[in-house]
Protein backbone atom coordinates (compact mmCIF):
# COMPACT_ATOMS: atom_id res chain seq x y z
CA UNK A 1 -4.71 -2.02 39.30
CA UNK A 2 -3.56 -1.54 43.07
CA UNK A 3 -6.84 0.13 44.07
CA UNK A 4 -8.95 -2.62 42.38
CA UNK A 5 -7.06 -5.39 44.49
CA UNK A 6 -7.40 -3.42 47.62
CA UNK A 7 -11.28 -3.01 46.83
CA UNK A 8 -12.00 -6.34 45.81
CA UNK A 9 -9.98 -7.79 48.66
CA UNK A 10 -11.72 -5.79 51.21
CA UNK A 11 -15.04 -6.93 49.71
CA UNK A 12 -14.10 -10.57 49.76
CA UNK A 13 -12.93 -10.07 53.37
CA UNK A 14 -16.31 -8.67 54.45
CA UNK A 15 -18.14 -11.42 52.63
CA UNK A 16 -16.06 -14.15 54.11
CA UNK A 17 -16.62 -12.66 57.69
CA UNK A 18 -20.37 -12.32 56.96
CA UNK A 19 -20.60 -16.20 55.90
CA UNK A 20 -18.41 -17.25 58.54
CA UNK A 21 -20.58 -15.61 61.37
CA UNK A 22 -23.53 -17.46 60.14
CA UNK A 23 -25.50 -14.84 58.23
CA UNK A 24 -25.27 -16.05 54.77
CA UNK A 25 -28.43 -18.01 53.56
CA UNK A 26 -30.03 -18.79 50.31
CA UNK A 27 -33.32 -20.42 49.25
CA UNK A 28 -33.64 -23.89 47.38
CA UNK A 29 -36.96 -24.96 45.93
CA UNK A 30 -37.72 -28.47 45.25
CA UNK A 31 -40.65 -30.10 43.54
CA UNK A 32 -42.49 -32.39 45.86
CA UNK A 33 -45.36 -33.82 43.70
CA UNK A 34 -46.25 -33.12 40.08
CA UNK A 35 -49.43 -34.45 38.72
CA UNK A 36 -49.78 -33.35 35.27
CA UNK A 37 -49.58 -29.38 35.02
CA UNK A 38 -50.21 -29.16 38.68
CA UNK A 39 -47.16 -29.37 41.03
CA UNK A 40 -46.46 -28.67 44.92
CA UNK A 41 -43.22 -27.24 45.69
CA UNK A 42 -41.44 -26.81 48.87
CA UNK A 43 -38.83 -23.87 49.63
CA UNK A 44 -36.08 -24.53 52.12
CA UNK A 45 -33.61 -21.97 53.60
CA UNK A 46 -30.13 -23.18 53.50
CA UNK A 47 -26.85 -21.81 55.15
CA UNK A 48 -23.76 -21.05 52.88
CA UNK A 49 -21.12 -23.46 53.92
CA UNK A 50 -18.62 -22.33 56.34
CA UNK A 51 -15.60 -23.23 54.15
CA UNK A 52 -16.77 -20.73 51.60
CA UNK A 53 -16.51 -17.97 54.23
CA UNK A 54 -13.06 -19.17 55.28
CA UNK A 55 -11.94 -19.33 51.63
CA UNK A 56 -13.18 -15.74 51.11
CA UNK A 57 -11.29 -14.48 54.18
CA UNK A 58 -7.88 -15.97 52.79
CA UNK A 59 -8.42 -14.97 49.29
CA UNK A 60 -9.61 -11.47 50.42
CA UNK A 61 -6.72 -11.02 52.65
CA UNK A 62 -4.07 -12.19 50.16
CA UNK A 63 -5.76 -9.66 47.49
CA UNK A 64 -5.77 -6.83 50.04
CA UNK A 65 -2.14 -7.52 51.25
CA UNK A 66 -1.00 -7.75 47.45
CA UNK A 67 -2.62 -4.44 46.77
CA UNK A 68 -0.98 -2.88 49.72
CA UNK A 69 2.50 -4.29 48.79
CA UNK A 70 2.48 -3.79 45.03
CA UNK A 71 5.02 -1.14 43.75
CA UNK A 72 2.76 0.68 41.31
């Protein structure tokens, strides 16, 4: 259990730092016009909100610290 906490914490820390540095993006597709079976779609690149990265850093740090400080 201790090793799992440490590994998950380190992964969350790394992901949180990645997102906070502005590297996290995802694509969102919207339907612009639909006429019968034909439709026009637009795809936009969006950044993952910075608060998600900060939350990942905080939770990852707590999990890593908890893994190192657990007695078992």
